[in-house]
Amino acid sequence: LGYMMLALGMGSYRAALFHLITHAYSKALLFLGSGSIIHSMENLVGYSPDKSQNMVLMGGLTKHVPITKTAFLIGTLSLCGIPPLA
């Protein structure tokens, strides 16, 4: 978000808006992915907030939710600024 403020200070409003939009989409992708993981954990351990959100029980998610793994990877790489996702 610091780059957004830098772009605004330099008068580059389009770059700041582009960075704001890509940051928002990347962050939303990570939040939706975490909700998907919590929802898929309910199928494995039953409906219990204590168990479905326990990080110790979340092993092996790649075989249970491979699409969510890919979404998390894309969102993480985008927030890290890795080209071409940044």
N, C-alpha and C. Protein backbone atom coordinates (compact mmCIF):
# COMPACT_ATOMS: atom_id res chain seq x y z
N LEU A 1 0.81 -1.19 0.00
CA LEU A 1 0.00 0.00 0.00
C LEU A 1 0.86 1.26 0.00
N GLY A 2 2.10 1.12 0.41
CA GLY A 2 3.00 2.26 0.37
C GLY A 2 3.28 2.72 -1.05
N TYR A 3 3.34 1.76 -1.98
CA TYR A 3 3.54 2.12 -3.39
C TYR A 3 2.34 2.89 -3.93
N MET A 4 1.17 2.60 -3.41
CA MET A 4 -0.02 3.35 -3.82
C MET A 4 0.10 4.82 -3.40
N MET A 5 0.53 5.03 -2.18
CA MET A 5 0.69 6.40 -1.69
C MET A 5 1.80 7.11 -2.45
N LEU A 6 2.86 6.38 -2.79
CA LEU A 6 3.95 6.97 -3.57
C LEU A 6 3.45 7.38 -4.95
N ALA A 7 2.65 6.52 -5.57
CA ALA A 7 2.11 6.85 -6.90
C ALA A 7 1.17 8.05 -6.83
N LEU A 8 0.37 8.12 -5.78
CA LEU A 8 -0.51 9.29 -5.62
C LEU A 8 0.30 10.56 -5.42
N GLY A 9 1.36 10.47 -4.62
CA GLY A 9 2.20 11.64 -4.39
C GLY A 9 2.91 12.12 -5.64
N MET A 10 3.21 11.20 -6.54
CA MET A 10 3.88 11.57 -7.79
C MET A 10 2.89 11.99 -8.86
N GLY A 11 1.60 11.87 -8.58
CA GLY A 11 0.59 12.28 -9.54
C GLY A 11 0.20 11.19 -10.53
N SER A 12 0.60 9.98 -10.28
CA SER A 12 0.27 8.87 -11.17
C SER A 12 -0.98 8.16 -10.64
N TYR A 13 -2.12 8.75 -10.93
CA TYR A 13 -3.37 8.26 -10.37
C TYR A 13 -3.78 6.92 -10.96
N ARG A 14 -3.50 6.69 -12.23
CA ARG A 14 -3.86 5.41 -12.85
C ARG A 14 -3.07 4.26 -12.24
N ALA A 15 -1.79 4.47 -12.00
CA ALA A 15 -0.97 3.42 -11.39
C ALA A 15 -1.45 3.12 -9.98
N ALA A 16 -1.82 4.15 -9.24
CA ALA A 16 -2.31 3.95 -7.88
C ALA A 16 -3.63 3.19 -7.89
N LEU A 17 -4.52 3.54 -8.81
CA LEU A 17 -5.80 2.84 -8.91
C LEU A 17 -5.59 1.39 -9.34
N PHE A 18 -4.68 1.15 -10.28
CA PHE A 18 -4.38 -0.21 -10.70
C PHE A 18 -3.84 -1.03 -9.54
N HIS A 19 -2.95 -0.45 -8.76
CA HIS A 19 -2.39 -1.17 -7.62
C HIS A 19 -3.46 -1.44 -6.57
N LEU A 20 -4.36 -0.50 -6.35
CA LEU A 20 -5.45 -0.69 -5.41
C LEU A 20 -6.35 -1.84 -5.84
N ILE A 21 -6.69 -1.90 -7.11
CA ILE A 21 -7.58 -2.95 -7.61
C ILE A 21 -6.91 -4.31 -7.54
N THR A 22 -5.65 -4.41 -7.97
CA THR A 22 -4.98 -5.70 -7.91
C THR A 22 -4.76 -6.17 -6.48
N HIS A 23 -4.49 -5.24 -5.57
CA HIS A 23 -4.34 -5.60 -4.16
C HIS A 23 -5.66 -6.11 -3.59
N ALA A 24 -6.74 -5.44 -3.93
CA ALA A 24 -8.05 -5.85 -3.43
C ALA A 24 -8.44 -7.23 -3.95
N TYR A 25 -8.21 -7.49 -5.23
CA TYR A 25 -8.53 -8.80 -5.79
C TYR A 25 -7.67 -9.90 -5.17
N SER A 26 -6.41 -9.63 -4.97
CA SER A 26 -5.52 -10.63 -4.38
C SER A 26 -5.93 -10.95 -2.95
N LYS A 27 -6.24 -9.92 -2.20
CA LYS A 27 -6.65 -10.12 -0.81
C LYS A 27 -7.99 -10.84 -0.72
N ALA A 28 -8.91 -10.50 -1.61
CA ALA A 28 -10.20 -11.19 -1.64
C ALA A 28 -10.02 -12.65 -2.00
N LEU A 29 -9.11 -12.95 -2.92
CA LEU A 29 -8.84 -14.33 -3.29
C LEU A 29 -8.33 -15.13 -2.10
N LEU A 30 -7.48 -14.53 -1.28
CA LEU A 30 -6.98 -15.24 -0.10
C LEU A 30 -8.07 -15.45 0.94
N PHE A 31 -8.94 -14.46 1.14
CA PHE A 31 -10.03 -14.63 2.10
C PHE A 31 -11.03 -15.69 1.63
N LEU A 32 -11.34 -15.69 0.34
CA LEU A 32 -12.25 -16.71 -0.19
C LEU A 32 -11.62 -18.10 -0.10
N GLY A 33 -10.32 -18.17 -0.32
CA GLY A 33 -9.62 -19.45 -0.20
C GLY A 33 -9.63 -19.98 1.22
N SER A 34 -9.44 -19.10 2.19
CA SER A 34 -9.47 -19.55 3.58
C SER A 34 -10.86 -20.00 3.99
N GLY A 35 -11.89 -19.34 3.49
CA GLY A 35 -13.25 -19.79 3.75
C GLY A 35 -13.53 -21.13 3.11
N SER A 36 -12.98 -21.35 1.92
CA SER A 36 -13.15 -22.64 1.25
C SER A 36 -12.47 -23.76 2.03
N ILE A 37 -11.31 -23.48 2.60
CA ILE A 37 -10.61 -24.49 3.39
C ILE A 37 -11.39 -24.81 4.65
N ILE A 38 -11.90 -23.80 5.33
CA ILE A 38 -12.69 -24.05 6.54
C ILE A 38 -13.94 -24.85 6.19
N HIS A 39 -14.57 -24.51 5.07
CA HIS A 39 -15.77 -25.25 4.65
C HIS A 39 -15.42 -26.70 4.30
N SER A 40 -14.31 -26.93 3.63
CA SER A 40 -13.94 -28.30 3.28
C SER A 40 -13.51 -29.09 4.51
N MET A 41 -12.99 -28.43 5.52
CA MET A 41 -12.62 -29.13 6.76
C MET A 41 -13.84 -29.63 7.50
N GLU A 42 -14.97 -28.95 7.33
CA GLU A 42 -16.19 -29.42 7.98
C GLU A 42 -16.62 -30.77 7.44
N ASN A 43 -16.32 -31.04 6.17
CA ASN A 43 -16.64 -32.36 5.62
C ASN A 43 -15.74 -33.44 6.20
N LEU A 44 -14.54 -33.10 6.61
CA LEU A 44 -13.59 -34.08 7.12
C LEU A 44 -13.74 -34.33 8.61
N VAL A 45 -13.93 -33.27 9.40
CA VAL A 45 -13.94 -33.41 10.86
C VAL A 45 -15.31 -33.17 11.47
N GLY A 46 -16.30 -32.85 10.68
CA GLY A 46 -17.63 -32.56 11.21
C GLY A 46 -17.78 -31.07 11.50
N TYR A 47 -19.00 -30.65 11.72
CA TYR A 47 -19.25 -29.23 11.96
C TYR A 47 -18.91 -28.90 13.41
N SER A 48 -17.76 -28.33 13.59
CA SER A 48 -17.31 -27.87 14.89
C SER A 48 -16.29 -26.77 14.65
N PRO A 49 -16.57 -25.54 15.05
CA PRO A 49 -15.61 -24.45 14.81
C PRO A 49 -14.24 -24.72 15.44
N ASP A 50 -14.22 -25.47 16.54
CA ASP A 50 -12.94 -25.77 17.17
C ASP A 50 -12.10 -26.70 16.31
N LYS A 51 -12.75 -27.63 15.62
CA LYS A 51 -12.00 -28.59 14.80
C LYS A 51 -11.80 -28.10 13.37
N SER A 52 -12.79 -27.43 12.79
CA SER A 52 -12.67 -27.03 11.39
C SER A 52 -11.68 -25.89 11.18
N GLN A 53 -11.35 -25.15 12.25
CA GLN A 53 -10.38 -24.06 12.13
C GLN A 53 -9.07 -24.36 12.85
N ASN A 54 -8.87 -25.63 13.21
CA ASN A 54 -7.64 -26.03 13.89
C ASN A 54 -6.56 -26.30 12.86
N MET A 55 -5.46 -25.56 12.92
CA MET A 55 -4.39 -25.70 11.94
C MET A 55 -3.70 -27.05 12.02
N VAL A 56 -3.70 -27.70 13.17
CA VAL A 56 -3.06 -29.00 13.32
C VAL A 56 -3.77 -30.05 12.48
N LEU A 57 -5.08 -29.93 12.33
CA LEU A 57 -5.86 -30.92 11.59
C LEU A 57 -5.91 -30.65 10.09
N MET A 58 -5.27 -29.60 9.60
CA MET A 58 -5.39 -29.21 8.20
C MET A 58 -4.32 -29.79 7.30
N GLY A 59 -3.74 -30.90 7.65
CA GLY A 59 -2.71 -31.50 6.81
C GLY A 59 -3.30 -32.17 5.58
N GLY A 60 -2.54 -32.21 4.50
CA GLY A 60 -2.97 -32.92 3.30
C GLY A 60 -4.08 -32.25 2.53
N LEU A 61 -4.14 -30.93 2.57
CA LEU A 61 -5.23 -30.24 1.86
C LEU A 61 -5.07 -30.29 0.36
N THR A 62 -3.86 -30.56 -0.13
CA THR A 62 -3.64 -30.59 -1.57
C THR A 62 -4.47 -31.66 -2.25
N LYS A 63 -4.62 -32.81 -1.59
CA LYS A 63 -5.42 -33.87 -2.21
C LYS A 63 -6.92 -33.66 -2.00
N HIS A 64 -7.31 -32.87 -1.00
CA HIS A 64 -8.74 -32.64 -0.75
C HIS A 64 -9.28 -31.44 -1.53
N VAL A 65 -8.51 -30.37 -1.60
CA VAL A 65 -8.94 -29.14 -2.29
C VAL A 65 -7.80 -28.60 -3.17
N PRO A 66 -7.52 -29.25 -4.31
CA PRO A 66 -6.39 -28.79 -5.14
C PRO A 66 -6.64 -27.45 -5.82
N ILE A 67 -7.89 -27.13 -6.13
CA ILE A 67 -8.18 -25.84 -6.77
C ILE A 67 -7.94 -24.69 -5.78
N THR A 68 -8.29 -24.92 -4.53
CA THR A 68 -8.06 -23.90 -3.51
C THR A 68 -6.57 -23.69 -3.29
N LYS A 69 -5.79 -24.76 -3.37
CA LYS A 69 -4.34 -24.63 -3.24
C LYS A 69 -3.78 -23.73 -4.34
N THR A 70 -4.27 -23.92 -5.56
CA THR A 70 -3.82 -23.11 -6.68
C THR A 70 -4.25 -21.65 -6.50
N ALA A 71 -5.47 -21.43 -6.01
CA ALA A 71 -5.95 -20.07 -5.77
C ALA A 71 -5.10 -19.38 -4.70
N PHE A 72 -4.77 -20.10 -3.63
CA PHE A 72 -3.92 -19.54 -2.59
C PHE A 72 -2.54 -19.20 -3.13
N LEU A 73 -1.99 -20.07 -3.97
CA LEU A 73 -0.67 -19.82 -4.54
C LEU A 73 -0.68 -18.57 -5.41
N ILE A 74 -1.71 -18.43 -6.24
CA ILE A 74 -1.81 -17.25 -7.11
C ILE A 74 -1.98 -15.98 -6.28
N GLY A 75 -2.85 -16.02 -5.27
CA GLY A 75 -3.05 -14.85 -4.42
C GLY A 75 -1.81 -14.46 -3.64
N THR A 76 -1.09 -15.45 -3.13
CA THR A 76 0.13 -15.17 -2.38
C THR A 76 1.22 -14.59 -3.27
N LEU A 77 1.41 -15.18 -4.45
CA LEU A 77 2.42 -14.67 -5.36
C LEU A 77 2.08 -13.27 -5.84
N SER A 78 0.80 -12.99 -6.00
CA SER A 78 0.38 -11.66 -6.43
C SER A 78 0.66 -10.62 -5.35
N LEU A 79 0.37 -10.95 -4.10
CA LEU A 79 0.64 -10.00 -3.02
C LEU A 79 2.14 -9.83 -2.78
N CYS A 80 2.92 -10.85 -3.11
CA CYS A 80 4.38 -10.75 -2.97
C CYS A 80 5.01 -9.92 -4.08
N GLY A 81 4.27 -9.70 -5.15
CA GLY A 81 4.78 -8.89 -6.25
C GLY A 81 5.56 -9.67 -7.28
N ILE A 82 5.31 -10.96 -7.39
CA ILE A 82 6.01 -11.81 -8.36
C ILE A 82 5.42 -11.57 -9.75
N PRO A 83 6.25 -11.22 -10.74
CA PRO A 83 5.72 -11.05 -12.10
C PRO A 83 5.27 -12.39 -12.66
N PRO A 84 4.28 -12.47 -13.45
CA PRO A 84 3.42 -11.46 -14.06
C PRO A 84 2.16 -11.20 -13.25
N LEU A 85 2.13 -11.64 -11.99
CA LEU A 85 0.92 -11.52 -11.18
C LEU A 85 0.83 -10.20 -10.42
N ALA A 86 1.92 -9.49 -10.32
CA ALA A 86 1.93 -8.26 -9.52
C ALA A 86 1.22 -7.13 -10.24
